[in-house]
Amino acid sequence: MPKINGKDSETMNTVLGNALRYGVVISAIVIGLGTALLLSKYPLTDSSMYTRYFSKRIPHGNFEISLQSIGYGILSLNPFSMIELGFLMLLATPVARVFLSILLFALDGDRLYVYITAAVFAILVFSIVVTPFLPIFGG
């Protein structure tokens, strides 16, 4: 891999593009596996169960939303947990790209962009962590 420096922004764009591409593909595979598991476990004769919405629960699921419940669901091969994990991976992909940008700018020695990107990353993480506790979002 070519050295990442200020003269080779194409390498940086390639690395960041690949991070996004692989994140989307991996999350699509996980969602696809969850969907296949859903179709193999549950009959499609009664679709009313799949269209119900449960407040504070994963739509169409039967457990609370938390990383722990998703983890237990994955271990028990719950298709709804697998689909939810795929969506979480899809949402985490651009956040991981911003973090990777910080590392690449640091390797490049571009301190200004490290600070700017770190501020963007801090805002993203703050938004993800604080939003569930805001009353407007049901917190």
Protein backbone atom coordinates (compact mmCIF):
# COMPACT_ATOMS: atom_id res chain seq x y z
CA MET A 1 0.00 0.00 0.00
CA PRO A 2 1.41 3.42 -0.89
CA LYS A 3 2.44 5.70 1.90
CA ILE A 4 -0.27 8.08 3.08
CA ASN A 5 0.94 11.65 2.87
CA GLY A 6 -0.27 15.03 1.70
CA LYS A 7 0.78 14.31 -1.89
CA ASP A 8 -1.16 11.04 -2.09
CA SER A 9 -4.76 11.94 -1.23
CA GLU A 10 -5.94 9.26 -3.65
CA THR A 11 -4.71 6.56 -1.25
CA MET A 12 -6.60 8.16 1.61
CA ASN A 13 -9.76 8.37 -0.48
CA THR A 14 -9.34 4.71 -1.45
CA VAL A 15 -8.92 3.60 2.17
CA LEU A 16 -11.96 5.59 3.32
CA GLY A 17 -14.03 4.45 0.33
CA ASN A 18 -13.16 0.82 1.02
CA ALA A 19 -14.09 1.23 4.69
CA LEU A 20 -17.55 2.47 3.69
CA ARG A 21 -17.94 -0.16 1.00
CA TYR A 22 -16.96 -3.07 3.26
CA GLY A 23 -19.13 -1.77 6.11
CA VAL A 24 -22.19 -1.62 3.87
CA VAL A 25 -21.51 -5.03 2.31
CA ILE A 26 -20.92 -6.74 5.67
CA SER A 27 -24.04 -5.19 7.20
CA ALA A 28 -26.06 -6.24 4.13
CA ILE A 29 -24.80 -9.80 4.52
CA VAL A 30 -25.79 -9.83 8.22
CA ILE A 31 -29.25 -8.41 7.40
CA GLY A 32 -29.62 -10.95 4.59
CA LEU A 33 -28.70 -13.81 6.92
CA GLY A 34 -31.20 -12.54 9.48
CA THR A 35 -33.89 -12.29 6.83
CA ALA A 36 -33.15 -15.80 5.58
CA LEU A 37 -33.31 -17.07 9.15
CA LEU A 38 -36.61 -15.24 9.64
CA LEU A 39 -38.10 -16.82 6.54
CA SER A 40 -36.89 -20.26 7.56
CA LYS A 41 -38.16 -20.04 11.16
CA TYR A 42 -41.53 -18.35 10.77
CA PRO A 43 -44.29 -19.07 8.27
CA LEU A 44 -45.53 -16.20 6.16
CA THR A 45 -49.16 -17.35 6.35
CA ASP A 46 -50.02 -14.91 9.15
CA SER A 47 -48.31 -11.62 8.36
CA SER A 48 -50.18 -9.65 11.05
CA MET A 49 -47.55 -10.65 13.62
CA TYR A 50 -44.82 -9.02 11.51
CA THR A 51 -46.64 -5.73 11.07
CA ARG A 52 -47.38 -5.00 14.76
CA TYR A 53 -45.43 -2.26 16.44
CA PHE A 54 -44.41 -2.53 20.09
CA SER A 55 -43.40 0.71 21.79
CA LYS A 56 -39.83 0.63 23.15
CA ARG A 57 -39.20 -2.70 21.47
CA ILE A 58 -37.63 -3.64 18.22
CA PRO A 59 -40.44 -3.55 15.69
CA HIS A 60 -41.76 -7.06 15.17
CA GLY A 61 -39.52 -8.40 17.96
CA ASN A 62 -40.20 -9.57 21.44
CA PHE A 63 -37.32 -8.19 23.49
CA GLU A 64 -36.13 -4.81 24.71
CA ILE A 65 -33.61 -2.85 22.67
CA SER A 66 -30.14 -3.13 24.21
CA LEU A 67 -26.80 -4.45 23.10
CA GLN A 68 -27.11 -7.20 25.69
CA SER A 69 -30.50 -8.37 24.37
CA ILE A 70 -29.20 -8.26 20.79
CA GLY A 71 -26.19 -10.33 21.89
CA TYR A 72 -28.41 -12.91 23.58
CA GLY A 73 -30.65 -12.94 20.52
CA ILE A 74 -27.69 -13.57 18.21
CA LEU A 75 -26.54 -16.47 20.41
CA SER A 76 -30.02 -17.96 20.30
CA LEU A 77 -30.24 -17.37 16.52
CA ASN A 78 -33.12 -14.91 16.82
CA PRO A 79 -33.58 -13.48 13.30
CA PHE A 80 -34.81 -10.11 14.60
CA SER A 81 -31.59 -9.71 16.60
CA MET A 82 -29.49 -10.52 13.55
CA ILE A 83 -31.36 -7.97 11.44
CA GLU A 84 -31.00 -5.36 14.19
CA LEU A 85 -27.27 -6.08 14.42
CA GLY A 86 -26.98 -5.53 10.67
CA PHE A 87 -28.70 -2.17 10.97
CA LEU A 88 -26.46 -1.16 13.88
CA MET A 89 -23.44 -2.09 11.77
CA LEU A 90 -24.81 -0.01 8.91
CA LEU A 91 -25.27 2.97 11.23
CA ALA A 92 -21.78 2.50 12.71
CA THR A 93 -20.09 2.47 9.30
CA PRO A 94 -19.95 6.26 8.74
CA VAL A 95 -18.94 6.82 12.37
CA ALA A 96 -16.07 4.35 11.89
CA ARG A 97 -15.14 6.23 8.71
CA VAL A 98 -14.81 9.48 10.67
CA PHE A 99 -12.63 7.72 13.26
CA LEU A 100 -10.50 6.22 10.49
CA SER A 101 -10.15 9.73 9.01
CA ILE A 102 -8.69 10.92 12.31
CA LEU A 103 -6.08 8.15 12.18
CA LEU A 104 -5.24 8.83 8.53
CA PHE A 105 -4.88 12.57 9.07
CA ALA A 106 -2.66 11.83 12.09
CA LEU A 107 -0.46 9.56 9.96
CA ASP A 108 -0.36 12.33 7.38
CA GLY A 109 0.76 14.79 10.05
CA ASP A 110 -2.09 17.19 9.26
CA ARG A 111 -2.92 18.48 12.75
CA LEU A 112 -5.61 20.93 11.66
CA TYR A 113 -7.68 18.20 10.02
CA VAL A 114 -7.08 15.88 12.96
CA TYR A 115 -8.63 18.50 15.26
CA ILE A 116 -11.54 19.24 12.93
CA THR A 117 -12.30 15.56 12.37
CA ALA A 118 -11.93 14.80 16.08
CA ALA A 119 -14.50 17.53 16.80
CA VAL A 120 -16.88 15.98 14.26
CA PHE A 121 -16.31 12.55 15.83
CA ALA A 122 -16.96 13.95 19.31
CA ILE A 123 -20.23 15.50 18.13
CA LEU A 124 -21.30 12.20 16.56
CA VAL A 125 -20.50 10.17 19.68
CA PHE A 126 -22.14 12.76 21.93
CA SER A 127 -25.28 12.66 19.78
CA ILE A 128 -25.41 8.87 19.85
CA VAL A 129 -24.89 8.69 23.61
CA VAL A 130 -27.11 11.59 24.70
CA THR A 131 -30.07 11.32 22.30
CA PRO A 132 -31.71 8.33 24.07
CA PHE A 133 -31.92 10.36 27.29
CA LEU A 134 -33.61 13.44 25.79
CA PRO A 135 -37.32 13.72 26.64
CA ILE A 136 -38.23 14.59 23.05
CA PHE A 137 -36.95 11.15 22.02
CA GLY A 138 -38.70 9.28 24.83
CA GLY A 139 -35.81 9.39 27.31
